Protein backbone atom coordinates (compact mmCIF):
# COMPACT_ATOMS: atom_id res chain seq x y z
CA MET A 1 110.35 75.95 105.16
CA THR A 2 112.80 78.01 107.18
CA GLY A 3 112.16 81.71 107.67
CA ALA A 4 114.97 82.56 105.26
CA GLU A 5 113.58 80.25 102.59
CA ARG A 6 110.07 81.60 103.13
CA LEU A 7 111.02 85.25 102.66
CA VAL A 8 113.22 84.73 99.62
CA ALA A 9 110.63 82.49 97.95
CA ALA A 10 107.83 85.02 98.49
CA CYS A 11 110.01 87.79 97.06
CA ARG A 12 110.37 85.65 93.93
CA SER A 13 106.58 85.05 93.81
CA ARG A 14 107.05 81.34 94.53
CA PRO A 15 104.72 79.28 96.73
CA VAL A 16 105.42 79.26 100.46
CA ASP A 17 104.15 77.32 103.48
CA ALA A 18 103.02 80.56 105.18
CA SER A 19 103.28 84.24 104.35
CA PRO A 20 106.58 85.73 105.54
CA VAL A 21 106.62 88.75 107.83
CA TRP A 22 109.08 91.47 108.74
CA PHE A 23 108.62 95.11 109.74
CA MET A 24 110.33 98.20 108.44
CA ARG A 25 112.40 99.64 111.27
CA GLN A 26 111.85 96.51 113.37
CA SER A 27 115.42 96.70 114.69
CA GLY A 28 115.66 99.03 117.66
CA GLY A 29 112.56 100.89 118.77
CA SER A 30 111.13 99.77 122.11
CA LEU A 31 113.15 96.55 122.37
CA PRO A 32 114.73 96.41 125.84
CA ALA A 33 118.28 95.57 124.72
CA TYR A 34 118.22 98.45 122.25
CA GLN A 35 116.98 100.87 124.90
CA ARG A 36 119.87 99.80 127.14
CA LEU A 37 122.33 100.42 124.32
CA ARG A 38 120.85 103.83 123.56
CA ALA A 39 121.35 104.88 127.16
CA ASN A 40 125.10 104.92 126.49
CA HIS A 41 125.47 105.09 122.70
CA THR A 42 124.27 107.30 119.87
CA VAL A 43 122.86 105.74 116.70
CA LEU A 44 126.13 106.53 114.92
CA ASP A 45 128.06 104.82 117.71
CA ILE A 46 125.99 101.66 117.27
CA VAL A 47 126.14 101.49 113.47
CA HIS A 48 129.90 102.02 113.49
CA ARG A 49 130.39 99.08 115.88
CA PRO A 50 129.41 95.93 113.95
CA ALA A 51 128.90 93.75 117.01
CA LEU A 52 126.43 96.23 118.48
CA ALA A 53 124.59 96.76 115.17
CA ALA A 54 124.31 93.00 114.70
CA GLU A 55 123.08 92.54 118.26
CA VAL A 56 120.27 95.03 117.65
CA ALA A 57 119.19 93.33 114.41
CA LEU A 58 119.33 89.81 115.84
CA GLU A 59 117.57 90.68 119.09
CA ALA A 60 114.69 92.16 117.09
CA GLN A 61 114.35 89.14 114.83
CA ARG A 62 114.41 86.70 117.73
CA ALA A 63 112.00 88.69 119.88
CA LEU A 64 109.48 89.11 117.06
CA GLY A 65 109.92 85.81 115.22
CA THR A 66 110.09 87.54 111.84
CA ASP A 67 111.27 85.85 108.67
CA GLY A 68 113.73 88.66 108.01
CA ALA A 69 116.56 90.17 110.07
CA VAL A 70 116.90 93.71 108.77
CA LEU A 71 120.25 95.42 108.97
CA PHE A 72 120.50 98.13 111.64
CA ALA A 73 121.97 100.97 109.62
CA ASP A 74 120.93 104.29 108.13
CA ILE A 75 120.41 105.03 104.46
CA MET A 76 122.67 108.10 104.76
CA LEU A 77 125.86 106.27 105.81
CA PRO A 78 127.30 106.34 102.25
CA VAL A 79 126.85 110.13 102.28
CA SER A 80 129.15 110.38 105.27
CA ALA A 81 131.71 108.32 103.34
CA MET A 82 131.45 110.86 100.51
CA GLY A 83 132.78 113.53 102.87
CA ILE A 84 129.51 115.16 103.96
CA GLU A 85 129.28 115.78 107.71
CA LEU A 86 126.24 113.95 109.01
CA GLU A 87 124.31 113.75 112.27
CA LEU A 88 121.58 111.20 113.03
CA PRO A 89 119.26 112.59 115.72
CA SER A 90 115.90 110.91 116.33
CA SER A 91 114.20 113.55 114.16
CA GLY A 92 116.10 112.38 111.07
CA PRO A 93 119.46 112.94 109.34
CA ARG A 94 120.95 116.43 109.56
CA ILE A 95 123.61 117.90 107.27
CA GLU A 96 125.24 121.14 108.37
CA ARG A 97 126.53 122.14 104.93
CA PRO A 98 124.00 121.01 102.31
CA ILE A 99 124.82 120.73 98.62
CA ARG A 100 123.63 123.81 96.78
CA THR A 101 126.02 124.25 93.83
CA ALA A 102 127.91 122.24 91.22
CA ASP A 103 131.12 123.08 93.10
CA ASP A 104 129.74 121.30 96.16
CA ILE A 105 129.33 118.16 94.06
CA ASP A 106 132.92 118.46 92.83
CA ARG A 107 134.09 118.20 96.44
CA LEU A 108 132.42 114.83 97.05
CA ARG A 109 134.94 112.08 97.68
CA PRO A 110 135.03 108.77 95.82
CA VAL A 111 134.01 105.93 98.09
CA ASP A 112 135.85 102.68 98.67
CA VAL A 113 132.98 100.59 100.05
CA ALA A 114 135.20 97.99 101.72
CA ALA A 115 137.34 100.61 103.44
CA ASP A 116 134.80 103.34 104.10
CA LEU A 117 131.72 101.23 104.88
CA GLY A 118 133.38 98.04 106.04
CA PHE A 119 131.69 98.32 109.44
CA VAL A 120 128.31 97.82 107.73
CA LEU A 121 129.57 94.81 105.80
CA GLU A 122 130.92 93.24 108.97
CA ALA A 123 127.53 93.76 110.62
CA VAL A 124 125.92 91.93 107.69
CA ARG A 125 128.30 89.01 108.15
CA LEU A 126 127.56 88.84 111.87
CA VAL A 127 123.80 88.96 111.33
CA ARG A 128 123.98 86.23 108.70
CA ARG A 129 125.99 84.05 111.05
CA GLY A 130 123.69 84.74 113.97
CA ALA A 131 120.40 84.35 112.12
CA GLY A 132 121.28 81.09 110.42
CA ASP A 133 118.28 79.74 108.54
CA ALA A 134 115.75 81.29 110.91
CA ALA A 135 115.54 84.53 108.91
CA ALA A 136 116.87 86.05 105.72
CA VAL A 137 119.29 88.93 106.16
CA ILE A 138 117.77 92.07 104.64
CA GLY A 139 120.28 94.62 103.39
CA LEU A 140 119.27 98.18 102.71
CA ALA A 141 120.18 101.28 100.78
CA GLY A 142 118.71 104.71 100.26
CA GLY A 143 117.01 105.48 96.97
CA PRO A 144 118.97 108.03 94.94
CA PHE A 145 116.27 110.70 94.92
CA THR A 146 115.83 110.54 98.68
CA VAL A 147 119.57 110.60 99.37
CA ALA A 148 120.12 113.49 96.95
CA ALA A 149 117.20 115.41 98.43
CA TYR A 150 118.58 115.00 101.96
CA CYS A 151 121.95 116.24 100.74
CA ILE A 152 120.37 119.35 99.24
CA GLU A 153 117.68 120.04 101.84
CA GLY A 154 120.02 119.42 104.76
CA GLY A 155 117.40 117.47 106.72
CA PRO A 156 113.85 116.18 106.63
CA SER A 157 111.47 118.10 104.38
CA ARG A 158 107.73 117.94 103.76
CA ASP A 159 107.94 118.76 100.05
CA GLN A 160 111.62 118.61 99.00
CA LEU A 161 111.12 122.02 97.43
CA THR A 162 114.79 123.02 97.52
CA ALA A 163 115.85 119.74 95.93
CA ARG A 164 113.22 119.96 93.21
CA ARG A 165 114.25 123.52 92.40
CA PHE A 166 117.85 122.35 92.19
CA ALA A 167 116.89 119.63 89.69
CA LEU A 168 115.03 122.19 87.56
CA ALA A 169 117.58 125.00 87.76
CA GLN A 170 120.73 122.88 87.53
CA PRO A 171 119.81 119.72 85.62
CA GLN A 172 123.40 118.82 84.74
CA ALA A 173 124.54 119.17 88.33
CA TRP A 174 121.55 117.12 89.46
CA ALA A 175 122.47 114.33 87.03
CA ARG A 176 126.09 114.37 88.27
CA LEU A 177 124.97 114.16 91.88
CA MET A 178 122.60 111.29 91.07
CA ASP A 179 125.33 109.50 89.11
CA HIS A 180 127.72 109.79 92.05
CA ILE A 181 125.17 108.54 94.58
CA THR A 182 124.11 105.71 92.28
CA ASP A 183 127.67 104.55 91.55
CA VAL A 184 128.38 104.36 95.28
CA THR A 185 125.06 102.68 96.04
CA CYS A 186 125.48 100.00 93.37
CA SER A 187 128.85 99.04 94.85
CA TYR A 188 127.40 99.21 98.36
CA VAL A 189 124.44 96.87 97.74
CA GLN A 190 126.59 94.39 95.86
CA ALA A 191 129.07 94.33 98.75
CA GLN A 192 126.21 93.71 101.18
CA VAL A 193 125.18 90.67 99.14
CA VAL A 194 128.72 89.33 99.11
CA ALA A 195 128.79 89.81 102.89
CA GLY A 196 125.61 87.76 103.31
CA ALA A 197 122.49 89.82 102.56
CA GLN A 198 119.82 87.58 101.02
CA VAL A 199 117.35 90.34 100.10
CA VAL A 200 117.96 94.08 99.67
CA GLN A 201 115.39 96.85 100.03
CA LEU A 202 115.84 100.20 98.29
CA PHE A 203 114.23 102.90 100.45
CA ASP A 204 113.33 105.86 98.23
CA SER A 205 110.92 107.27 100.78
CA TRP A 206 110.71 110.80 99.44
CA ALA A 207 110.29 110.04 95.74
CA GLY A 208 106.52 109.81 96.17
CA ILE A 209 106.39 113.61 96.15
CA LEU A 210 107.23 113.55 92.43
CA SER A 211 104.75 113.53 89.58
CA PRO A 212 105.10 110.59 87.17
CA SER A 213 106.90 112.75 84.62
CA ASP A 214 109.29 114.23 87.18
CA TYR A 215 109.94 110.78 88.61
CA ALA A 216 110.80 109.54 85.13
CA ALA A 217 113.23 112.43 84.63
CA TRP A 218 114.76 112.90 88.07
CA ALA A 219 114.76 109.47 89.72
CA ALA A 220 113.80 106.43 87.66
CA PRO A 221 116.98 105.96 85.57
CA TRP A 222 119.17 105.90 88.66
CA SER A 223 116.84 103.79 90.80
CA ARG A 224 116.66 101.21 88.05
CA ARG A 225 120.46 100.99 87.92
CA ILE A 226 120.56 100.16 91.64
CA LEU A 227 117.74 97.63 91.40
CA ARG A 228 119.54 95.92 88.52
CA ALA A 229 122.74 95.86 90.59
CA ILE A 230 120.91 94.10 93.42
CA ARG A 231 119.29 91.54 91.14
CA SER A 232 122.50 90.89 89.20
CA SER A 233 124.05 89.91 92.54
CA GLY A 234 121.56 87.05 92.73
CA VAL A 235 119.13 88.26 95.41
CA PRO A 236 115.64 89.79 95.23
CA ALA A 237 115.25 93.57 95.15
CA ILE A 238 112.44 95.28 97.08
CA HIS A 239 111.52 98.82 95.99
CA PHE A 240 109.85 101.08 98.53
CA VAL A 241 108.51 104.59 97.87
CA ALA A 242 106.18 106.15 100.42
CA GLN A 243 103.01 107.69 98.97
CA GLY A 244 103.87 106.03 95.69
CA ALA A 245 100.38 105.17 94.40
CA THR A 246 100.74 107.31 91.27
CA LEU A 247 104.11 105.69 90.48
CA LEU A 248 103.26 102.07 91.19
CA GLU A 249 103.86 100.55 87.75
CA ARG A 250 107.08 102.54 87.36
CA LEU A 251 108.37 101.25 90.70
CA ALA A 252 107.94 97.67 89.51
CA VAL A 253 110.40 98.03 86.62
CA ASP A 254 113.54 96.05 87.50
CA ALA A 255 112.19 95.18 90.98
CA ASP A 256 111.18 91.77 92.30
CA VAL A 257 108.93 93.26 94.99
CA VAL A 258 107.13 96.59 95.32
CA SER A 259 106.46 97.68 98.88
CA ILE A 260 103.24 99.66 99.12
CA ASP A 261 102.23 102.17 101.77
CA ALA A 262 99.15 101.89 103.95
CA ALA A 263 97.22 104.59 102.07
CA GLN A 264 96.81 102.36 99.01
CA PRO A 265 94.10 99.69 98.71
CA PHE A 266 96.02 96.44 98.78
CA GLY A 267 93.86 94.59 96.28
CA THR A 268 94.04 97.43 93.77
CA ALA A 269 97.81 97.58 94.08
CA ARG A 270 98.09 93.84 93.47
CA GLU A 271 95.99 94.11 90.33
CA ARG A 272 98.07 97.01 89.01
CA LEU A 273 101.36 95.22 89.69
CA GLY A 274 100.36 91.95 88.03
CA ALA A 275 103.01 89.27 88.49
CA VAL A 276 105.33 91.42 90.63
CA ALA A 277 105.42 90.46 94.31
CA VAL A 278 103.91 92.89 96.80
CA GLN A 279 105.06 93.88 100.27
CA GLY A 280 102.83 95.52 102.85
CA ASN A 281 100.67 97.18 103.80
CA LEU A 282 99.58 97.14 107.43
CA ASP A 283 98.84 100.58 108.83
CA PRO A 284 101.28 101.31 111.71
CA ALA A 285 98.55 103.30 113.48
CA ARG A 286 96.20 100.31 113.48
CA ILE A 287 98.94 98.05 114.78
CA GLY A 288 99.53 100.40 117.68
CA ALA A 289 95.88 101.05 118.51
CA SER A 290 94.97 97.76 120.23
CA HIS A 291 95.34 94.04 119.80
CA GLU A 292 91.78 93.79 118.45
CA VAL A 293 92.30 96.54 115.88
CA ALA A 294 95.64 95.07 114.81
CA SER A 295 94.12 91.60 114.47
CA GLY A 296 91.34 93.01 112.30
CA ALA A 297 93.90 94.75 110.09
CA VAL A 298 95.73 91.47 109.56
CA ASP A 299 92.48 89.71 108.63
CA GLU A 300 91.56 92.41 106.13
CA LEU A 301 95.00 92.25 104.53
CA LEU A 302 94.99 88.48 104.19
CA ILE A 303 91.48 88.50 102.73
CA ALA A 304 92.57 91.12 100.18
CA ASN A 305 95.56 89.01 99.17
CA ALA A 306 93.28 85.97 98.76
CA GLY A 307 96.08 83.44 99.13
CA ARG A 308 98.06 84.64 96.12
CA PRO A 309 101.80 83.90 96.17
CA GLY A 310 104.25 86.76 96.19
CA HIS A 311 103.09 88.53 99.36
CA VAL A 312 105.49 89.71 102.08
CA VAL A 313 103.50 90.98 105.06
CA ASN A 314 104.93 94.23 106.39
CA THR A 315 103.86 97.64 107.52
CA GLY A 316 103.12 100.33 104.96
CA HIS A 317 105.88 102.42 106.54
CA ALA A 318 108.26 102.27 109.49
CA VAL A 319 106.97 100.83 112.75
CA PRO A 320 106.71 103.60 115.39
CA ALA A 321 109.36 103.19 118.07
CA ASP A 322 106.77 102.91 120.86
CA THR A 323 104.90 99.96 119.31
CA PRO A 324 104.84 97.15 121.92
CA THR A 325 107.18 94.30 121.09
CA SER A 326 104.52 91.80 122.19
CA ARG A 327 102.02 93.27 119.71
CA LEU A 328 104.42 92.80 116.80
CA ALA A 329 105.33 89.27 117.89
CA ASP A 330 101.63 88.39 118.12
CA LEU A 331 101.06 89.68 114.59
CA VAL A 332 103.89 87.57 113.21
CA ALA A 333 102.46 84.43 114.82
CA MET A 334 98.98 85.37 113.65
CA VAL A 335 100.05 85.77 110.01
CA HIS A 336 101.98 82.50 110.06
CA ASP A 337 99.09 80.60 111.62
CA ARG A 338 96.34 82.04 109.45
CA THR A 339 98.17 81.77 106.15
CA ALA A 340 99.40 78.25 106.90
CA MET A 341 95.79 77.22 107.35
CA ALA A 342 94.68 79.12 104.26
CA LEU A 343 97.41 77.77 101.97
CA PRO A 344 97.75 74.02 102.67
CA ALA A 345 98.42 73.23 99.02
CA GLN A 346 101.59 75.32 99.12
CA THR A 347 103.22 73.47 102.01
CA GLY A 348 106.36 71.73 100.89
CA ALA A 349 106.26 73.38 97.48
CA ASN A 350 109.50 74.10 95.70
CA ALA A 351 110.94 77.40 96.98
């Protein structure tokens, strides 16, 4: 199987010849070409120049040998298109004038994805052309709760307290904001698929702060709309929520794959999710500790999966930028080698 076939098949819980691998935030980081670009360009400069964004994504895939080439973009780019001034420092997105009232929501602009985010779509096309069959192009979008919380908090937050208060105090305004974000995101992910994305991951990183009942009220209806939009476009949808153990079954609704964080026992998560494919959940700290520790983490993960189809090997959260490229490349080769030996009956199976 090609890398692209392998990743898409695993996302659909079909047999594969070896477990596919990619890493969240694999594009960029410590890769030499990216470091050279960052010496002269900001992140916003790179994402707004499709050739540069595609170069970053393709260099990462080729250097690591992953089965996925993940788009180099930021989940907050649609927010900028809505008329919110945005900065992207290394510490995380920053918004100078956060949303705090219903009037602020009224001022949000409608978004024409082709016109306002066309640079992202062109990057997708370039990555698809450059990757060929070696890797599936992974599109991305921010989960509606996370994007809304950023818009209200104005930047990274440990508990999203201001956003949660907003949802409680102004429920109608919250619903309007979520509707607006979701409408834009549905169009955005569908346009990415048309441009060439073969898998799309919805990153709702902050939604794990919510209790199950609050998640059901403040996030789930909108997230499900986006996941359905991805799947209706004909590609698998991966749903990621950090610290989402209490929400696991809810995250699986309308998703092909649930990406689990490193704090959850992998085997337990697989049992809870049933037939839904699982992505994860290597601990980024263990990957960075040493080759021996990283190798042990891979062995433990593969033993826990026990050869079951529907497993995409990934980290439980974003790879730290200082993780050695050689370490990640070694892990990819290790997973391919060890799962190919463990799953001989799947070789050549229909994908």
